[in-house]
Amino acid sequence: MTHGRAFTLRRAGGIAGLAGTLTLVGALVTSQAADAAGNPNFEGILSAAPPTGFVSSPSAYTLSNGSVTVEFDVAVKNLTEASQTVALNFSADHILTDNGANVADGQPGQAGITFSGPTGTTQALVAGTQSFSETWGSNATSTIPLAYTFDACGYYQLDLWAPYKGNEGRTHATLASGFVRVLGCAADPTPTPTPTDGVDGSSGSPTPTGAVRALSTPSTGAGDGWLTLGALLVVVGGGLLVAGKRGRRVNI
């Protein structure tokens, strides 16, 4: 192998490795940002941070010990100089299908779905919607602590919202949203691990994997392909670098 060819292989390997690393980082950021969202401009008066306190899908809560309560805490800031009182609703919708596939049981035994919005899903409202009013002082920030108890398996979308005041055909103005997964039903084909905190596949206090993302993001589960591509590029880049170094040693 000539010195020039070895140099070319090393250069190509470096480029491929860098591209793979950047792709992996981008895919990880995207996947972590997908499941929890806060509205930075709710009706022009409030700004919500991403909700915290819960574990996002595809990680799962378990019903192995009975019903499970999901905490949903939202830090909200008043964007105006005046005091604001807003009537809000906190609801859960059971996701029945995703892009035509029946996912109503939460897909036990499978990797699960990272949702980035409701587009492509069909859903059914779960009984128990909570309605209340919250007041903020001028430019004040406060955290709204919420919780929802589930006793059936499946994927669920949690929403903090108010009736939409516009006339574009929308019914909800969403302040914050997130997606959770519940497993461990008796009909599951494989047993579900039961950690002490009631969350499958985690330890310690449950923490969300989500971050701020547009509430209208259309796709679901798109990060998996980018992760695969990134890993492949890293492997190819490493192989080219090794080949280039071996070629250089031959000619010394």
C-alpha atoms as a PDB file:
ATOM      1  CA  MET A   1       0.000   0.000   0.000  1.00  0.00           C
ATOM      2  CA  THR A   2       1.430   3.423  -0.912  1.00  0.00           C
ATOM      3  CA  HIS A   3       1.880   6.237   1.562  1.00  0.00           C
ATOM      4  CA  GLY A   4      -0.642   8.348  -0.395  1.00  0.00           C
ATOM      5  CA  ARG A   5      -3.294   5.651  -0.243  1.00  0.00           C
ATOM      6  CA  ALA A   6      -2.737   5.149   3.471  1.00  0.00           C
ATOM      7  CA  PHE A   7      -3.125   8.895   4.024  1.00  0.00           C
ATOM      8  CA  THR A   8      -6.354   8.872   2.010  1.00  0.00           C
ATOM      9  CA  LEU A   9      -7.738   5.975   4.091  1.00  0.00           C
ATOM     10  CA  ARG A  10      -6.873   7.718   7.360  1.00  0.00           C
ATOM     11  CA  ARG A  11      -8.458  10.943   6.170  1.00  0.00           C
ATOM     12  CA  ALA A  12     -11.627   9.168   5.031  1.00  0.00           C
ATOM     13  CA  GLY A  13     -11.756   7.295   8.328  1.00  0.00           C
ATOM     14  CA  GLY A  14     -11.466  10.508  10.288  1.00  0.00           C
ATOM     15  CA  ILE A  15     -14.247  12.143   8.302  1.00  0.00           C
ATOM     16  CA  ALA A  16     -16.525   9.121   8.636  1.00  0.00           C
ATOM     17  CA  GLY A  17     -15.833   8.854  12.360  1.00  0.00           C
ATOM     18  CA  LEU A  18     -16.561  12.556  12.912  1.00  0.00           C
ATOM     19  CA  ALA A  19     -19.768  12.329  10.893  1.00  0.00           C
ATOM     20  CA  GLY A  20     -20.839   9.272  12.854  1.00  0.00           C
ATOM     21  CA  THR A  21     -20.146  10.944  16.186  1.00  0.00           C
ATOM     22  CA  LEU A  22     -22.113  14.056  15.214  1.00  0.00           C
ATOM     23  CA  THR A  23     -24.985  11.905  13.957  1.00  0.00           C
ATOM     24  CA  LEU A  24     -25.085   9.941  17.223  1.00  0.00           C
ATOM     25  CA  VAL A  25     -25.064  13.122  19.301  1.00  0.00           C
ATOM     26  CA  GLY A  26     -27.835  14.621  17.197  1.00  0.00           C
ATOM     27  CA  ALA A  27     -29.934  11.494  17.408  1.00  0.00           C
ATOM     28  CA  LEU A  28     -29.509  11.242  21.170  1.00  0.00           C
ATOM     29  CA  VAL A  29     -30.461  14.895  21.678  1.00  0.00           C
ATOM     30  CA  THR A  30     -33.489  14.452  19.435  1.00  0.00           C
ATOM     31  CA  SER A  31     -34.636  11.265  21.170  1.00  0.00           C
ATOM     32  CA  GLN A  32     -34.224  12.828  24.606  1.00  0.00           C
ATOM     33  CA  ALA A  33     -36.148  15.932  23.543  1.00  0.00           C
ATOM     34  CA  ALA A  34     -39.101  14.069  22.136  1.00  0.00           C
ATOM     35  CA  ASP A  35     -41.371  13.071  25.014  1.00  0.00           C
ATOM     36  CA  ALA A  36     -41.831  16.193  27.135  1.00  0.00           C
ATOM     37  CA  ALA A  37     -42.720  19.654  25.925  1.00  0.00           C
ATOM     38  CA  GLY A  38     -43.532  23.015  27.432  1.00  0.00           C
ATOM     39  CA  ASN A  39     -45.268  25.816  25.526  1.00  0.00           C
ATOM     40  CA  PRO A  40     -43.062  28.954  25.612  1.00  0.00           C
ATOM     41  CA  ASN A  41     -45.978  31.208  24.600  1.00  0.00           C
ATOM     42  CA  PHE A  42     -49.333  30.013  25.898  1.00  0.00           C
ATOM     43  CA  GLU A  43     -52.028  32.457  24.774  1.00  0.00           C
ATOM     44  CA  GLY A  44     -49.434  35.224  25.011  1.00  0.00           C
ATOM     45  CA  ILE A  45     -49.502  35.230  28.801  1.00  0.00           C
ATOM     46  CA  LEU A  46     -47.681  32.141  30.125  1.00  0.00           C
ATOM     47  CA  SER A  47     -44.473  30.228  29.386  1.00  0.00           C
ATOM     48  CA  ALA A  48     -44.072  26.633  30.544  1.00  0.00           C
ATOM     49  CA  ALA A  49     -40.872  24.658  31.019  1.00  0.00           C
ATOM     50  CA  PRO A  50     -40.865  20.966  30.056  1.00  0.00           C
ATOM     51  CA  PRO A  51     -42.745  18.921  32.673  1.00  0.00           C
ATOM     52  CA  THR A  52     -40.626  16.971  35.143  1.00  0.00           C
ATOM     53  CA  GLY A  53     -41.086  14.255  37.759  1.00  0.00           C
ATOM     54  CA  PHE A  54     -41.963  11.372  35.435  1.00  0.00           C
ATOM     55  CA  VAL A  55     -40.243   8.838  33.212  1.00  0.00           C
ATOM     56  CA  SER A  56     -40.944   9.221  29.495  1.00  0.00           C
ATOM     57  CA  SER A  57     -41.832   6.460  27.028  1.00  0.00           C
ATOM     58  CA  PRO A  58     -40.325   4.072  25.975  1.00  0.00           C
ATOM     59  CA  SER A  59     -39.163   3.559  29.578  1.00  0.00           C
ATOM     60  CA  ALA A  60     -42.109   2.099  31.474  1.00  0.00           C
ATOM     61  CA  TYR A  61     -43.937   2.193  34.759  1.00  0.00           C
ATOM     62  CA  THR A  62     -45.121  -1.170  36.074  1.00  0.00           C
ATOM     63  CA  LEU A  63     -48.463  -2.345  37.418  1.00  0.00           C
ATOM     64  CA  SER A  64     -46.905  -5.429  38.995  1.00  0.00           C
ATOM     65  CA  ASN A  65     -47.711  -4.072  42.466  1.00  0.00           C
ATOM     66  CA  GLY A  66     -51.070  -2.549  41.505  1.00  0.00           C
ATOM     67  CA  SER A  67     -51.933   0.900  40.154  1.00  0.00           C
ATOM     68  CA  VAL A  68     -49.163   3.434  39.538  1.00  0.00           C
ATOM     69  CA  THR A  69     -49.226   7.201  40.035  1.00  0.00           C
ATOM     70  CA  VAL A  70     -47.335   9.366  37.553  1.00  0.00           C
ATOM     71  CA  GLU A  71     -46.177  12.766  38.785  1.00  0.00           C
ATOM     72  CA  PHE A  72     -46.234  15.677  36.347  1.00  0.00           C
ATOM     73  CA  ASP A  73     -44.746  18.958  37.572  1.00  0.00           C
ATOM     74  CA  VAL A  74     -44.763  22.067  35.368  1.00  0.00           C
ATOM     75  CA  ALA A  75     -42.887  25.308  36.082  1.00  0.00           C
ATOM     76  CA  VAL A  76     -44.885  28.173  34.565  1.00  0.00           C
ATOM     77  CA  LYS A  77     -43.958  31.851  34.249  1.00  0.00           C
ATOM     78  CA  ASN A  78     -46.327  34.782  33.822  1.00  0.00           C
ATOM     79  CA  LEU A  79     -45.065  36.729  30.800  1.00  0.00           C
ATOM     80  CA  THR A  80     -47.097  39.832  31.613  1.00  0.00           C
ATOM     81  CA  GLU A  81     -46.915  42.699  34.089  1.00  0.00           C
ATOM     82  CA  ALA A  82     -50.436  41.948  35.363  1.00  0.00           C
ATOM     83  CA  SER A  83     -51.735  39.194  37.623  1.00  0.00           C
ATOM     84  CA  GLN A  84     -53.162  36.268  35.642  1.00  0.00           C
ATOM     85  CA  THR A  85     -55.712  33.618  36.636  1.00  0.00           C
ATOM     86  CA  VAL A  86     -56.122  30.786  34.151  1.00  0.00           C
ATOM     87  CA  ALA A  87     -58.588  27.874  34.196  1.00  0.00           C
ATOM     88  CA  LEU A  88     -56.683  24.714  33.272  1.00  0.00           C
ATOM     89  CA  ASN A  89     -57.346  21.027  32.679  1.00  0.00           C
ATOM     90  CA  PHE A  90     -55.060  18.051  33.221  1.00  0.00           C
ATOM     91  CA  SER A  91     -56.006  14.964  31.232  1.00  0.00           C
ATOM     92  CA  ALA A  92     -54.697  11.631  29.964  1.00  0.00           C
ATOM     93  CA  ASP A  93     -55.422  10.004  26.618  1.00  0.00           C
ATOM     94  CA  HIS A  94     -54.856   6.308  25.934  1.00  0.00           C
ATOM     95  CA  ILE A  95     -52.962   5.880  22.643  1.00  0.00           C
ATOM     96  CA  LEU A  96     -54.753   3.151  20.697  1.00  0.00           C
ATOM     97  CA  THR A  97     -52.842   3.140  17.393  1.00  0.00           C
ATOM     98  CA  ASP A  98     -49.615   4.632  16.058  1.00  0.00           C
ATOM     99  CA  ASN A  99     -49.367   5.037  12.289  1.00  0.00           C
ATOM    100  CA  GLY A 100     -52.033   2.358  11.898  1.00  0.00           C
ATOM    101  CA  ALA A 101     -50.453  -0.194  14.265  1.00  0.00           C
ATOM    102  CA  ASN A 102     -52.375  -1.325  17.342  1.00  0.00           C
ATOM    103  CA  VAL A 103     -50.290  -0.251  20.357  1.00  0.00           C
ATOM    104  CA  ALA A 104     -53.077  -0.159  22.942  1.00  0.00           C
ATOM    105  CA  ASP A 105     -51.376  -2.694  25.244  1.00  0.00           C
ATOM    106  CA  GLY A 106     -48.126  -0.698  25.454  1.00  0.00           C
ATOM    107  CA  GLN A 107     -46.253  -3.323  23.413  1.00  0.00           C
ATOM    108  CA  PRO A 108     -44.863  -5.541  26.206  1.00  0.00           C
ATOM    109  CA  GLY A 109     -41.683  -7.314  25.236  1.00  0.00           C
ATOM    110  CA  GLN A 110     -40.847  -4.714  22.578  1.00  0.00           C
ATOM    111  CA  ALA A 111     -38.471  -1.734  22.637  1.00  0.00           C
ATOM    112  CA  GLY A 112     -41.338   0.729  22.722  1.00  0.00           C
ATOM    113  CA  ILE A 113     -42.041   4.085  21.103  1.00  0.00           C
ATOM    114  CA  THR A 114     -40.436   7.480  21.611  1.00  0.00           C
ATOM    115  CA  PHE A 115     -43.244   9.893  20.737  1.00  0.00           C
ATOM    116  CA  SER A 116     -42.613  13.378  19.428  1.00  0.00           C
ATOM    117  CA  GLY A 117     -46.235  14.437  19.177  1.00  0.00           C
ATOM    118  CA  PRO A 118     -49.762  13.081  18.673  1.00  0.00           C
ATOM    119  CA  THR A 119     -49.648  13.100  14.863  1.00  0.00           C
ATOM    120  CA  GLY A 120     -50.209   9.611  13.466  1.00  0.00           C
ATOM    121  CA  THR A 121     -51.946   8.334  16.614  1.00  0.00           C
ATOM    122  CA  THR A 122     -55.550   7.630  17.540  1.00  0.00           C
ATOM    123  CA  GLN A 123     -56.417   8.217  21.179  1.00  0.00           C
ATOM    124  CA  ALA A 124     -59.233   7.830  23.691  1.00  0.00           C
ATOM    125  CA  LEU A 125     -59.730  10.129  26.671  1.00  0.00           C
ATOM    126  CA  VAL A 126     -59.186   8.423  30.032  1.00  0.00           C
ATOM    127  CA  ALA A 127     -61.708   9.156  32.774  1.00  0.00           C
ATOM    128  CA  GLY A 128     -60.531  11.442  35.562  1.00  0.00           C
ATOM    129  CA  THR A 129     -59.724  14.799  33.916  1.00  0.00           C
ATOM    130  CA  GLN A 130     -58.748  17.342  36.567  1.00  0.00           C
ATOM    131  CA  SER A 131     -59.995  20.946  36.284  1.00  0.00           C
ATOM    132  CA  PHE A 132     -58.676  23.838  38.379  1.00  0.00           C
ATOM    133  CA  SER A 133     -57.589  27.485  38.274  1.00  0.00           C
ATOM    134  CA  GLU A 134     -54.108  28.827  38.900  1.00  0.00           C
ATOM    135  CA  THR A 135     -53.059  32.417  39.611  1.00  0.00           C
ATOM    136  CA  TRP A 136     -49.717  34.091  38.862  1.00  0.00           C
ATOM    137  CA  GLY A 137     -48.563  37.487  40.025  1.00  0.00           C
ATOM    138  CA  SER A 138     -46.786  39.959  37.758  1.00  0.00           C
ATOM    139  CA  ASN A 139     -43.886  38.151  36.024  1.00  0.00           C
ATOM    140  CA  ALA A 140     -44.111  35.442  38.697  1.00  0.00           C
ATOM    141  CA  THR A 141     -43.072  31.805  38.266  1.00  0.00           C
ATOM    142  CA  SER A 142     -44.645  28.884  40.106  1.00  0.00           C
ATOM    143  CA  THR A 143     -44.650  25.112  39.746  1.00  0.00           C
ATOM    144  CA  ILE A 144     -47.918  23.250  39.269  1.00  0.00           C
ATOM    145  CA  PRO A 145     -47.686  19.775  40.875  1.00  0.00           C
ATOM    146  CA  LEU A 146     -49.989  17.249  39.214  1.00  0.00           C
ATOM    147  CA  ALA A 147     -50.442  13.482  39.320  1.00  0.00           C
ATOM    148  CA  TYR A 148     -52.393  10.849  37.410  1.00  0.00           C
ATOM    149  CA  THR A 149     -53.044   7.277  38.542  1.00  0.00           C
ATOM    150  CA  PHE A 150     -53.146   4.451  35.995  1.00  0.00           C
ATOM    151  CA  ASP A 151     -54.442   0.913  36.473  1.00  0.00           C
ATOM    152  CA  ALA A 152     -54.273  -0.310  32.849  1.00  0.00           C
ATOM    153  CA  CYS A 153     -51.348  -0.939  30.515  1.00  0.00           C
ATOM    154  CA  GLY A 154     -50.638   1.147  27.445  1.00  0.00           C
ATOM    155  CA  TYR A 155     -49.093   4.338  26.121  1.00  0.00           C
ATOM    156  CA  TYR A 156     -50.631   7.569  27.389  1.00  0.00           C
ATOM    157  CA  GLN A 157     -50.389  11.233  26.462  1.00  0.00           C
ATOM    158  CA  LEU A 158     -50.610  13.621  29.416  1.00  0.00           C
ATOM    159  CA  ASP A 159     -51.701  17.198  28.698  1.00  0.00           C
ATOM    160  CA  LEU A 160     -52.052  20.382  30.722  1.00  0.00           C
ATOM    161  CA  TRP A 161     -54.358  22.607  28.669  1.00  0.00           C
ATOM    162  CA  ALA A 162     -57.131  25.174  28.402  1.00  0.00           C
ATOM    163  CA  PRO A 163     -59.930  25.556  25.840  1.00  0.00           C
ATOM    164  CA  TYR A 164     -58.497  27.286  22.773  1.00  0.00           C
ATOM    165  CA  LYS A 165     -59.762  30.847  22.261  1.00  0.00           C
ATOM    166  CA  GLY A 166     -58.960  31.081  18.553  1.00  0.00           C
ATOM    167  CA  ASN A 167     -61.080  30.046  15.588  1.00  0.00           C
ATOM    168  CA  GLU A 168     -58.711  27.739  13.669  1.00  0.00           C
ATOM    169  CA  GLY A 169     -60.653  24.588  14.543  1.00  0.00           C
ATOM    170  CA  ARG A 170     -58.452  23.642  17.507  1.00  0.00           C
ATOM    171  CA  THR A 171     -60.118  22.705  20.791  1.00  0.00           C
ATOM    172  CA  HIS A 172     -57.099  22.775  23.148  1.00  0.00           C
ATOM    173  CA  ALA A 173     -54.389  25.283  23.860  1.00  0.00           C
ATOM    174  CA  THR A 174     -51.675  23.067  25.351  1.00  0.00           C
ATOM    175  CA  LEU A 175     -49.458  24.405  28.119  1.00  0.00           C
ATOM    176  CA  ALA A 176     -47.382  21.230  28.611  1.00  0.00           C
ATOM    177  CA  SER A 177     -47.483  17.612  27.489  1.00  0.00           C
ATOM    178  CA  GLY A 178     -45.666  14.306  27.875  1.00  0.00           C
ATOM    179  CA  PHE A 179     -45.906  10.616  26.987  1.00  0.00           C
ATOM    180  CA  VAL A 180     -45.698   7.692  29.412  1.00  0.00           C
ATOM    181  CA  ARG A 181     -45.779   3.920  29.062  1.00  0.00           C
ATOM    182  CA  VAL A 182     -47.376   1.509  31.551  1.00  0.00           C
ATOM    183  CA  LEU A 183     -46.646  -2.254  31.530  1.00  0.00           C
ATOM    184  CA  GLY A 184     -46.902  -5.195  33.912  1.00  0.00           C
ATOM    185  CA  CYS A 185     -50.456  -6.368  33.257  1.00  0.00           C
ATOM    186  CA  ALA A 186     -51.352 -10.008  33.900  1.00  0.00           C
ATOM    187  CA  ALA A 187     -51.769 -10.615  30.155  1.00  0.00           C
ATOM    188  CA  ASP A 188     -48.206  -9.499  29.319  1.00  0.00           C
ATOM    189  CA  PRO A 189     -46.326 -12.374  27.628  1.00  0.00           C
ATOM    190  CA  THR A 190     -43.165 -11.808  29.674  1.00  0.00           C
ATOM    191  CA  PRO A 191     -42.763 -10.842  33.342  1.00  0.00           C
ATOM    192  CA  THR A 192     -42.025  -7.165  33.990  1.00  0.00           C
ATOM    193  CA  PRO A 193     -39.186  -6.303  36.416  1.00  0.00           C
ATOM    194  CA  THR A 194     -40.347  -4.439  39.492  1.00  0.00           C
ATOM    195  CA  PRO A 195     -37.723  -1.996  40.830  1.00  0.00           C
ATOM    196  CA  THR A 196     -38.378  -0.397  44.190  1.00  0.00           C
ATOM    197  CA  ASP A 197     -39.367   2.965  42.728  1.00  0.00           C
ATOM    198  CA  GLY A 198     -42.114   1.411  40.575  1.00  0.00           C
ATOM    199  CA  VAL A 199     -40.437   2.212  37.274  1.00  0.00           C
ATOM    200  CA  ASP A 200     -39.149  -0.442  34.868  1.00  0.00           C
ATOM    201  CA  GLY A 201     -35.519  -0.244  33.883  1.00  0.00           C
ATOM    202  CA  SER A 202     -34.486   2.554  36.227  1.00  0.00           C
ATOM    203  CA  SER A 203     -33.233   3.094  39.738  1.00  0.00           C
ATOM    204  CA  GLY A 204     -33.443   5.957  42.186  1.00  0.00           C
ATOM    205  CA  SER A 205     -35.950   8.764  41.718  1.00  0.00           C
ATOM    206  CA  PRO A 206     -37.819   8.741  38.401  1.00  0.00           C
ATOM    207  CA  THR A 207     -36.604  11.538  36.136  1.00  0.00           C
ATOM    208  CA  PRO A 208     -37.890  12.585  32.716  1.00  0.00           C
ATOM    209  CA  THR A 209     -35.860  12.139  29.563  1.00  0.00           C
ATOM    210  CA  GLY A 210     -37.651  14.937  27.764  1.00  0.00           C
ATOM    211  CA  ALA A 211     -36.772  18.532  26.998  1.00  0.00           C
ATOM    212  CA  VAL A 212     -38.453  21.456  25.261  1.00  0.00           C
ATOM    213  CA  ARG A 213     -39.690  20.582  21.793  1.00  0.00           C
ATOM    214  CA  ALA A 214     -42.387  22.004  19.518  1.00  0.00           C
ATOM    215  CA  LEU A 215     -45.753  20.555  20.452  1.00  0.00           C
ATOM    216  CA  SER A 216     -46.637  20.019  16.790  1.00  0.00           C
ATOM    217  CA  THR A 217     -43.600  17.874  15.895  1.00  0.00           C
ATOM    218  CA  PRO A 218     -45.101  15.396  13.410  1.00  0.00           C
ATOM    219  CA  SER A 219     -43.040  12.212  13.536  1.00  0.00           C
ATOM    220  CA  THR A 220     -42.596   9.428  16.098  1.00  0.00           C
ATOM    221  CA  GLY A 221     -39.669   7.163  16.793  1.00  0.00           C
ATOM    222  CA  ALA A 222     -37.464   8.829  14.160  1.00  0.00           C
ATOM    223  CA  GLY A 223     -34.309   8.779  16.263  1.00  0.00           C
ATOM    224  CA  ASP A 224     -33.643   5.036  15.939  1.00  0.00           C
ATOM    225  CA  GLY A 225     -32.556   5.201  12.296  1.00  0.00           C
ATOM    226  CA  TRP A 226     -30.146   8.068  12.953  1.00  0.00           C
ATOM    227  CA  LEU A 227     -28.639   6.187  15.885  1.00  0.00           C
ATOM    228  CA  THR A 228     -28.019   3.177  13.648  1.00  0.00           C
ATOM    229  CA  LEU A 229     -26.490   5.328  10.909  1.00  0.00           C
ATOM    230  CA  GLY A 230     -24.259   7.131  13.392  1.00  0.00           C
ATOM    231  CA  ALA A 231     -22.989   3.884  14.881  1.00  0.00           C
ATOM    232  CA  LEU A 232     -22.298   2.483  11.400  1.00  0.00           C
ATOM    233  CA  LEU A 233     -20.312   5.579  10.404  1.00  0.00           C
ATOM    234  CA  VAL A 234     -18.216   5.368  13.574  1.00  0.00           C
ATOM    235  CA  VAL A 235     -17.411   1.697  12.896  1.00  0.00           C
ATOM    236  CA  VAL A 236     -16.533   2.371   9.240  1.00  0.00           C
ATOM    237  CA  GLY A 237     -14.390   5.331  10.220  1.00  0.00           C
ATOM    238  CA  GLY A 238     -12.504   3.277  12.770  1.00  0.00           C
ATOM    239  CA  GLY A 239     -11.889   0.541  10.217  1.00  0.00           C
ATOM    240  CA  LEU A 240     -10.493   3.009   7.679  1.00  0.00           C
ATOM    241  CA  LEU A 241      -8.198   4.557  10.273  1.00  0.00           C
ATOM    242  CA  VAL A 242      -6.828   1.124  11.211  1.00  0.00           C
ATOM    243  CA  ALA A 243      -6.328   0.213   7.550  1.00  0.00           C
ATOM    244  CA  GLY A 244      -4.521   3.472   6.941  1.00  0.00           C
ATOM    245  CA  LYS A 245      -2.146   2.990   9.861  1.00  0.00           C
ATOM    246  CA  ARG A 246      -1.314  -0.563   8.779  1.00  0.00           C
ATOM    247  CA  GLY A 247      -0.554   0.636   5.263  1.00  0.00           C
ATOM    248  CA  ARG A 248       1.772   3.289   6.604  1.00  0.00           C
ATOM    249  CA  ARG A 249       3.763   0.792   8.677  1.00  0.00           C
ATOM    250  CA  VAL A 250       4.299  -1.411   5.628  1.00  0.00           C
ATOM    251  CA  ASN A 251       6.117   1.381   3.813  1.00  0.00           C
ATOM    252  CA  ILE A 252       8.433   2.506   6.605  1.00  0.00           C
END
